[in-house]
Amino acid sequence: MSFWTAVVVLFAIAAVTWLKAQRYRTLGERREDGTYGPSGREKELERQVEEMRKRLAVLERIATDDQRGRDLAHEIEKLRD
């Protein structure tokens, strides 16, 4: 095997290793059973997004409420309970 053949083989091994590392990093954290899933940070962000969607729905309901007789502060306190 010549010097340049060895260089190409080593480069190919390094490239494959780097690509696999990138793939596993993209898939998320490795679980105990050997599979990959979303990281804890991703789960936390998804939970926060869901909470924000619920809050936005409440604010939309307050903003589009047609009953003008109610006091806005009373409505907000009612939604907090």
PDB file of N, CA and C in Angstrom:
ATOM      1  N   MET A   1       0.850  -1.162   0.000  1.00  0.00           N
ATOM      2  CA  MET A   1       0.000   0.000   0.000  1.00  0.00           C
ATOM      3  C   MET A   1       0.899   1.228   0.000  1.00  0.00           C
ATOM      4  N   SER A   2       0.595   2.154  -0.864  1.00  0.00           N
ATOM      5  CA  SER A   2       1.400   3.365  -0.957  1.00  0.00           C
ATOM      6  C   SER A   2       0.978   4.369   0.120  1.00  0.00           C
ATOM      7  N   PHE A   3       1.781   5.387   0.265  1.00  0.00           N
ATOM      8  CA  PHE A   3       1.514   6.437   1.252  1.00  0.00           C
ATOM      9  C   PHE A   3       0.183   7.132   0.974  1.00  0.00           C
ATOM     10  N   TRP A   4      -0.077   7.461  -0.291  1.00  0.00           N
ATOM     11  CA  TRP A   4      -1.300   8.194  -0.634  1.00  0.00           C
ATOM     12  C   TRP A   4      -2.540   7.332  -0.482  1.00  0.00           C
ATOM     13  N   THR A   5      -2.430   6.066  -0.708  1.00  0.00           N
ATOM     14  CA  THR A   5      -3.560   5.166  -0.478  1.00  0.00           C
ATOM     15  C   THR A   5      -3.900   5.136   1.007  1.00  0.00           C
ATOM     16  N   ALA A   6      -2.877   5.085   1.846  1.00  0.00           N
ATOM     17  CA  ALA A   6      -3.101   5.101   3.293  1.00  0.00           C
ATOM     18  C   ALA A   6      -3.756   6.410   3.734  1.00  0.00           C
ATOM     19  N   VAL A   7      -3.336   7.530   3.155  1.00  0.00           N
ATOM     20  CA  VAL A   7      -3.925   8.829   3.490  1.00  0.00           C
ATOM     21  C   VAL A   7      -5.398   8.844   3.112  1.00  0.00           C
ATOM     22  N   VAL A   8      -5.739   8.349   1.946  1.00  0.00           N
ATOM     23  CA  VAL A   8      -7.136   8.321   1.499  1.00  0.00           C
ATOM     24  C   VAL A   8      -7.966   7.420   2.401  1.00  0.00           C
ATOM     25  N   VAL A   9      -7.447   6.270   2.777  1.00  0.00           N
ATOM     26  CA  VAL A   9      -8.177   5.355   3.661  1.00  0.00           C
ATOM     27  C   VAL A   9      -8.401   5.998   5.024  1.00  0.00           C
ATOM     28  N   LEU A  10      -7.384   6.619   5.584  1.00  0.00           N
ATOM     29  CA  LEU A  10      -7.534   7.294   6.878  1.00  0.00           C
ATOM     30  C   LEU A  10      -8.537   8.447   6.796  1.00  0.00           C
ATOM     31  N   PHE A  11      -8.493   9.187   5.699  1.00  0.00           N
ATOM     32  CA  PHE A  11      -9.456  10.272   5.514  1.00  0.00           C
ATOM     33  C   PHE A  11     -10.881   9.729   5.432  1.00  0.00           C
ATOM     34  N   ALA A  12     -11.065   8.631   4.717  1.00  0.00           N
ATOM     35  CA  ALA A  12     -12.396   8.023   4.586  1.00  0.00           C
ATOM     36  C   ALA A  12     -12.905   7.554   5.949  1.00  0.00           C
ATOM     37  N   ILE A  13     -12.040   6.938   6.737  1.00  0.00           N
ATOM     38  CA  ILE A  13     -12.441   6.491   8.074  1.00  0.00           C
ATOM     39  C   ILE A  13     -12.843   7.688   8.939  1.00  0.00           C
ATOM     40  N   ALA A  14     -12.069   8.744   8.889  1.00  0.00           N
ATOM     41  CA  ALA A  14     -12.381   9.943   9.677  1.00  0.00           C
ATOM     42  C   ALA A  14     -13.698  10.568   9.220  1.00  0.00           C
ATOM     43  N   ALA A  15     -13.931  10.606   7.927  1.00  0.00           N
ATOM     44  CA  ALA A  15     -15.165  11.203   7.402  1.00  0.00           C
ATOM     45  C   ALA A  15     -16.386  10.394   7.830  1.00  0.00           C
ATOM     46  N   VAL A  16     -16.310   9.081   7.747  1.00  0.00           N
ATOM     47  CA  VAL A  16     -17.430   8.225   8.160  1.00  0.00           C
ATOM     48  C   VAL A  16     -17.692   8.387   9.648  1.00  0.00           C
ATOM     49  N   THR A  17     -16.644   8.424  10.445  1.00  0.00           N
ATOM     50  CA  THR A  17     -16.804   8.607  11.886  1.00  0.00           C
ATOM     51  C   THR A  17     -17.452   9.946  12.195  1.00  0.00           C
ATOM     52  N   TRP A  18     -17.014  10.996  11.524  1.00  0.00           N
ATOM     53  CA  TRP A  18     -17.600  12.320  11.749  1.00  0.00           C
ATOM     54  C   TRP A  18     -19.073  12.349  11.343  1.00  0.00           C
ATOM     55  N   LEU A  19     -19.416  11.733  10.214  1.00  0.00           N
ATOM     56  CA  LEU A  19     -20.808  11.707   9.760  1.00  0.00           C
ATOM     57  C   LEU A  19     -21.701  10.955  10.741  1.00  0.00           C
ATOM     58  N   LYS A  20     -21.213   9.838  11.270  1.00  0.00           N
ATOM     59  CA  LYS A  20     -22.007   9.091  12.258  1.00  0.00           C
ATOM     60  C   LYS A  20     -22.205   9.903  13.526  1.00  0.00           C
ATOM     61  N   ALA A  21     -21.167  10.613  13.963  1.00  0.00           N
ATOM     62  CA  ALA A  21     -21.300  11.453  15.157  1.00  0.00           C
ATOM     63  C   ALA A  21     -22.335  12.547  14.933  1.00  0.00           C
ATOM     64  N   GLN A  22     -22.337  13.151  13.754  1.00  0.00           N
ATOM     65  CA  GLN A  22     -23.323  14.183  13.441  1.00  0.00           C
ATOM     66  C   GLN A  22     -24.735  13.604  13.430  1.00  0.00           C
ATOM     67  N   ARG A  23     -24.875  12.420  12.891  1.00  0.00           N
ATOM     68  CA  ARG A  23     -26.191  11.770  12.840  1.00  0.00           C
ATOM     69  C   ARG A  23     -26.718  11.504  14.236  1.00  0.00           C
ATOM     70  N   TYR A  24     -25.885  10.964  15.107  1.00  0.00           N
ATOM     71  CA  TYR A  24     -26.318  10.667  16.465  1.00  0.00           C
ATOM     72  C   TYR A  24     -26.598  11.935  17.257  1.00  0.00           C
ATOM     73  N   ARG A  25     -25.832  12.971  17.004  1.00  0.00           N
ATOM     74  CA  ARG A  25     -26.077  14.242  17.676  1.00  0.00           C
ATOM     75  C   ARG A  25     -27.419  14.816  17.244  1.00  0.00           C
ATOM     76  N   THR A  26     -27.782  14.641  15.984  1.00  0.00           N
ATOM     77  CA  THR A  26     -29.053  15.131  15.469  1.00  0.00           C
ATOM     78  C   THR A  26     -30.220  14.332  16.027  1.00  0.00           C
ATOM     79  N   LEU A  27     -30.039  13.034  16.203  1.00  0.00           N
ATOM     80  CA  LEU A  27     -31.114  12.193  16.699  1.00  0.00           C
ATOM     81  C   LEU A  27     -31.471  12.485  18.145  1.00  0.00           C
ATOM     82  N   GLY A  28     -30.540  12.954  18.919  1.00  0.00           N
ATOM     83  CA  GLY A  28     -30.805  13.256  20.317  1.00  0.00           C
ATOM     84  C   GLY A  28     -29.968  12.397  21.231  1.00  0.00           C
ATOM     85  N   GLU A  29     -30.426  12.295  22.479  1.00  0.00           N
ATOM     86  CA  GLU A  29     -29.684  11.557  23.487  1.00  0.00           C
ATOM     87  C   GLU A  29     -29.868  10.058  23.326  1.00  0.00           C
ATOM     88  N   ARG A  30     -28.868   9.337  23.720  1.00  0.00           N
ATOM     89  CA  ARG A  30     -28.941   7.884  23.664  1.00  0.00           C
ATOM     90  C   ARG A  30     -29.589   7.375  24.944  1.00  0.00           C
ATOM     91  N   ARG A  31     -30.570   6.511  24.788  1.00  0.00           N
ATOM     92  CA  ARG A  31     -31.274   5.945  25.934  1.00  0.00           C
ATOM     93  C   ARG A  31     -30.592   4.664  26.387  1.00  0.00           C
ATOM     94  N   GLU A  32     -31.052   4.157  27.521  1.00  0.00           N
ATOM     95  CA  GLU A  32     -30.463   2.940  28.071  1.00  0.00           C
ATOM     96  C   GLU A  32     -30.665   1.723  27.172  1.00  0.00           C
ATOM     97  N   ASP A  33     -31.764   1.699  26.417  1.00  0.00           N
ATOM     98  CA  ASP A  33     -32.035   0.549  25.558  1.00  0.00           C
ATOM     99  C   ASP A  33     -31.309   0.630  24.216  1.00  0.00           C
ATOM    100  N   GLY A  34     -30.472   1.645  24.025  1.00  0.00           N
ATOM    101  CA  GLY A  34     -29.678   1.763  22.807  1.00  0.00           C
ATOM    102  C   GLY A  34     -30.327   2.595  21.720  1.00  0.00           C
ATOM    103  N   THR A  35     -31.570   3.027  21.912  1.00  0.00           N
ATOM    104  CA  THR A  35     -32.233   3.866  20.914  1.00  0.00           C
ATOM    105  C   THR A  35     -31.938   5.334  21.207  1.00  0.00           C
ATOM    106  N   TYR A  36     -32.320   6.181  20.286  1.00  0.00           N
ATOM    107  CA  TYR A  36     -32.081   7.611  20.437  1.00  0.00           C
ATOM    108  C   TYR A  36     -33.412   8.336  20.449  1.00  0.00           C
ATOM    109  N   GLY A  37     -33.483   9.388  21.223  1.00  0.00           N
ATOM    110  CA  GLY A  37     -34.702  10.175  21.307  1.00  0.00           C
ATOM    111  C   GLY A  37     -34.388  11.620  21.628  1.00  0.00           C
ATOM    112  N   PRO A  38     -35.434  12.428  21.760  1.00  0.00           N
ATOM    113  CA  PRO A  38     -35.220  13.844  22.037  1.00  0.00           C
ATOM    114  C   PRO A  38     -34.520  14.043  23.384  1.00  0.00           C
ATOM    115  N   SER A  39     -33.724  15.076  23.457  1.00  0.00           N
ATOM    116  CA  SER A  39     -32.999  15.357  24.690  1.00  0.00           C
ATOM    117  C   SER A  39     -33.949  15.958  25.717  1.00  0.00           C
ATOM    118  N   GLY A  40     -33.483  16.032  26.927  1.00  0.00           N
ATOM    119  CA  GLY A  40     -34.277  16.627  27.996  1.00  0.00           C
ATOM    120  C   GLY A  40     -34.587  18.085  27.719  1.00  0.00           C
ATOM    121  N   ARG A  41     -33.639  18.772  27.123  1.00  0.00           N
ATOM    122  CA  ARG A  41     -33.847  20.185  26.789  1.00  0.00           C
ATOM    123  C   ARG A  41     -34.963  20.343  25.755  1.00  0.00           C
ATOM    124  N   GLU A  42     -34.981  19.454  24.769  1.00  0.00           N
ATOM    125  CA  GLU A  42     -36.031  19.516  23.749  1.00  0.00           C
ATOM    126  C   GLU A  42     -37.399  19.249  24.365  1.00  0.00           C
ATOM    127  N   LYS A  43     -37.477  18.303  25.280  1.00  0.00           N
ATOM    128  CA  LYS A  43     -38.752  18.019  25.950  1.00  0.00           C
ATOM    129  C   LYS A  43     -39.215  19.225  26.758  1.00  0.00           C
ATOM    130  N   GLU A  44     -38.287  19.873  27.448  1.00  0.00           N
ATOM    131  CA  GLU A  44     -38.617  21.066  28.226  1.00  0.00           C
ATOM    132  C   GLU A  44     -39.120  22.190  27.319  1.00  0.00           C
ATOM    133  N   LEU A  45     -38.481  22.381  26.181  1.00  0.00           N
ATOM    134  CA  LEU A  45     -38.921  23.416  25.244  1.00  0.00           C
ATOM    135  C   LEU A  45     -40.305  23.108  24.681  1.00  0.00           C
ATOM    136  N   GLU A  46     -40.581  21.853  24.388  1.00  0.00           N
ATOM    137  CA  GLU A  46     -41.909  21.475  23.897  1.00  0.00           C
ATOM    138  C   GLU A  46     -42.974  21.738  24.955  1.00  0.00           C
ATOM    139  N   ARG A  47     -42.651  21.467  26.229  1.00  0.00           N
ATOM    140  CA  ARG A  47     -43.595  21.721  27.317  1.00  0.00           C
ATOM    141  C   ARG A  47     -43.863  23.223  27.439  1.00  0.00           C
ATOM    142  N   GLN A  48     -42.815  24.039  27.337  1.00  0.00           N
ATOM    143  CA  GLN A  48     -42.981  25.479  27.429  1.00  0.00           C
ATOM    144  C   GLN A  48     -43.801  26.026  26.267  1.00  0.00           C
ATOM    145  N   VAL A  49     -43.603  25.498  25.075  1.00  0.00           N
ATOM    146  CA  VAL A  49     -44.387  25.938  23.920  1.00  0.00           C
ATOM    147  C   VAL A  49     -45.863  25.615  24.134  1.00  0.00           C
ATOM    148  N   GLU A  50     -46.142  24.436  24.660  1.00  0.00           N
ATOM    149  CA  GLU A  50     -47.536  24.060  24.910  1.00  0.00           C
ATOM    150  C   GLU A  50     -48.170  24.985  25.951  1.00  0.00           C
ATOM    151  N   GLU A  51     -47.434  25.341  26.993  1.00  0.00           N
ATOM    152  CA  GLU A  51     -47.951  26.289  27.990  1.00  0.00           C
ATOM    153  C   GLU A  51     -48.219  27.647  27.362  1.00  0.00           C
ATOM    154  N   MET A  52     -47.327  28.090  26.493  1.00  0.00           N
ATOM    155  CA  MET A  52     -47.519  29.381  25.844  1.00  0.00           C
ATOM    156  C   MET A  52     -48.739  29.368  24.924  1.00  0.00           C
ATOM    157  N   ARG A  53     -48.976  28.252  24.265  1.00  0.00           N
ATOM    158  CA  ARG A  53     -50.177  28.145  23.414  1.00  0.00           C
ATOM    159  C   ARG A  53     -51.442  28.271  24.247  1.00  0.00           C
ATOM    160  N   LYS A  54     -51.451  27.648  25.429  1.00  0.00           N
ATOM    161  CA  LYS A  54     -52.621  27.749  26.304  1.00  0.00           C
ATOM    162  C   LYS A  54     -52.819  29.184  26.766  1.00  0.00           C
ATOM    163  N   ARG A  55     -51.722  29.853  27.122  1.00  0.00           N
ATOM    164  CA  ARG A  55     -51.821  31.248  27.557  1.00  0.00           C
ATOM    165  C   ARG A  55     -52.307  32.140  26.430  1.00  0.00           C
ATOM    166  N   LEU A  56     -51.829  31.891  25.240  1.00  0.00           N
ATOM    167  CA  LEU A  56     -52.261  32.678  24.089  1.00  0.00           C
ATOM    168  C   LEU A  56     -53.750  32.489  23.825  1.00  0.00           C
ATOM    169  N   ALA A  57     -54.235  31.270  23.992  1.00  0.00           N
ATOM    170  CA  ALA A  57     -55.662  31.016  23.794  1.00  0.00           C
ATOM    171  C   ALA A  57     -56.487  31.803  24.802  1.00  0.00           C
ATOM    172  N   VAL A  58     -56.025  31.887  26.043  1.00  0.00           N
ATOM    173  CA  VAL A  58     -56.733  32.659  27.063  1.00  0.00           C
ATOM    174  C   VAL A  58     -56.729  34.139  26.698  1.00  0.00           C
ATOM    175  N   LEU A  59     -55.588  34.647  26.276  1.00  0.00           N
ATOM    176  CA  LEU A  59     -55.518  36.066  25.898  1.00  0.00           C
ATOM    177  C   LEU A  59     -56.391  36.366  24.686  1.00  0.00           C
ATOM    178  N   GLU A  60     -56.447  35.464  23.725  1.00  0.00           N
ATOM    179  CA  GLU A  60     -57.327  35.667  22.574  1.00  0.00           C
ATOM    180  C   GLU A  60     -58.782  35.685  23.001  1.00  0.00           C
ATOM    181  N   ARG A  61     -59.116  34.821  23.946  1.00  0.00           N
ATOM    182  CA  ARG A  61     -60.500  34.782  24.423  1.00  0.00           C
ATOM    183  C   ARG A  61     -60.861  36.084  25.131  1.00  0.00           C
ATOM    184  N   ILE A  62     -59.928  36.619  25.905  1.00  0.00           N
ATOM    185  CA  ILE A  62     -60.184  37.890  26.587  1.00  0.00           C
ATOM    186  C   ILE A  62     -60.322  39.021  25.578  1.00  0.00           C
ATOM    187  N   ALA A  63     -59.454  39.046  24.582  1.00  0.00           N
ATOM    188  CA  ALA A  63     -59.446  40.140  23.606  1.00  0.00           C
ATOM    189  C   ALA A  63     -60.664  40.117  22.702  1.00  0.00           C
ATOM    190  N   THR A  64     -61.203  38.951  22.432  1.00  0.00           N
ATOM    191  CA  THR A  64     -62.328  38.870  21.502  1.00  0.00           C
ATOM    192  C   THR A  64     -63.661  38.665  22.206  1.00  0.00           C
ATOM    193  N   ASP A  65     -63.673  38.809  23.516  1.00  0.00           N
ATOM    194  CA  ASP A  65     -64.910  38.619  24.278  1.00  0.00           C
ATOM    195  C   ASP A  65     -65.898  39.735  23.933  1.00  0.00           C
ATOM    196  N   ASP A  66     -67.107  39.361  23.539  1.00  0.00           N
ATOM    197  CA  ASP A  66     -68.118  40.334  23.121  1.00  0.00           C
ATOM    198  C   ASP A  66     -68.911  40.903  24.288  1.00  0.00           C
ATOM    199  N   GLN A  67     -68.806  40.319  25.434  1.00  0.00           N
ATOM    200  CA  GLN A  67     -69.572  40.803  26.583  1.00  0.00           C
ATOM    201  C   GLN A  67     -68.835  41.988  27.213  1.00  0.00           C
ATOM    202  N   ARG A  68     -69.336  43.191  26.949  1.00  0.00           N
ATOM    203  CA  ARG A  68     -68.649  44.396  27.426  1.00  0.00           C
ATOM    204  C   ARG A  68     -69.044  44.741  28.856  1.00  0.00           C
ATOM    205  N   GLY A  69     -70.026  44.060  29.391  1.00  0.00           N
ATOM    206  CA  GLY A  69     -70.501  44.378  30.734  1.00  0.00           C
ATOM    207  C   GLY A  69     -69.550  43.910  31.828  1.00  0.00           C
ATOM    208  N   ARG A  70     -68.723  42.954  31.516  1.00  0.00           N
ATOM    209  CA  ARG A  70     -67.819  42.424  32.551  1.00  0.00           C
ATOM    210  C   ARG A  70     -66.576  43.288  32.678  1.00  0.00           C
ATOM    211  N   ASP A  71     -66.074  43.335  33.853  1.00  0.00           N
ATOM    212  CA  ASP A  71     -64.826  44.047  34.104  1.00  0.00           C
ATOM    213  C   ASP A  71     -63.653  43.147  33.712  1.00  0.00           C
ATOM    214  N   LEU A  72     -62.659  43.679  33.029  1.00  0.00           N
ATOM    215  CA  LEU A  72     -61.525  42.892  32.545  1.00  0.00           C
ATOM    216  C   LEU A  72     -60.736  42.284  33.709  1.00  0.00           C
ATOM    217  N   ALA A  73     -60.557  43.023  34.771  1.00  0.00           N
ATOM    218  CA  ALA A  73     -59.815  42.503  35.930  1.00  0.00           C
ATOM    219  C   ALA A  73     -60.546  41.317  36.551  1.00  0.00           C
ATOM    220  N   HIS A  74     -61.864  41.390  36.617  1.00  0.00           N
ATOM    221  CA  HIS A  74     -62.655  40.280  37.161  1.00  0.00           C
ATOM    222  C   HIS A  74     -62.504  39.039  36.281  1.00  0.00           C
ATOM    223  N   GLU A  75     -62.508  39.224  34.989  1.00  0.00           N
ATOM    224  CA  GLU A  75     -62.344  38.100  34.057  1.00  0.00           C
ATOM    225  C   GLU A  75     -60.970  37.449  34.204  1.00  0.00           C
ATOM    226  N   ILE A  76     -59.933  38.256  34.348  1.00  0.00           N
ATOM    227  CA  ILE A  76     -58.583  37.715  34.511  1.00  0.00           C
ATOM    228  C   ILE A  76     -58.481  36.919  35.806  1.00  0.00           C
ATOM    229  N   GLU A  77     -59.035  37.436  36.894  1.00  0.00           N
ATOM    230  CA  GLU A  77     -59.008  36.715  38.156  1.00  0.00           C
ATOM    231  C   GLU A  77     -59.788  35.400  38.062  1.00  0.00           C
ATOM    232  N   LYS A  78     -60.867  35.412  37.343  1.00  0.00           N
ATOM    233  CA  LYS A  78     -61.659  34.200  37.150  1.00  0.00           C
ATOM    234  C   LYS A  78     -60.860  33.147  36.382  1.00  0.00           C
ATOM    235  N   LEU A  79     -60.106  33.565  35.379  1.00  0.00           N
ATOM    236  CA  LEU A  79     -59.298  32.627  34.594  1.00  0.00           C
ATOM    237  C   LEU A  79     -58.116  32.080  35.405  1.00  0.00           C
ATOM    238  N   ARG A  80     -57.603  32.825  36.360  1.00  0.00           N
ATOM    239  CA  ARG A  80     -56.489  32.348  37.183  1.00  0.00           C
ATOM    240  C   ARG A  80     -56.917  31.216  38.102  1.00  0.00           C
ATOM    241  N   ASP A  81     -58.153  31.240  38.532  1.00  0.00           N
ATOM    242  CA  ASP A  81     -58.637  30.195  39.460  1.00  0.00           C
ATOM    243  C   ASP A  81     -58.888  28.926  38.773  1.00  0.00           C
TER     244      ASP A  81
END
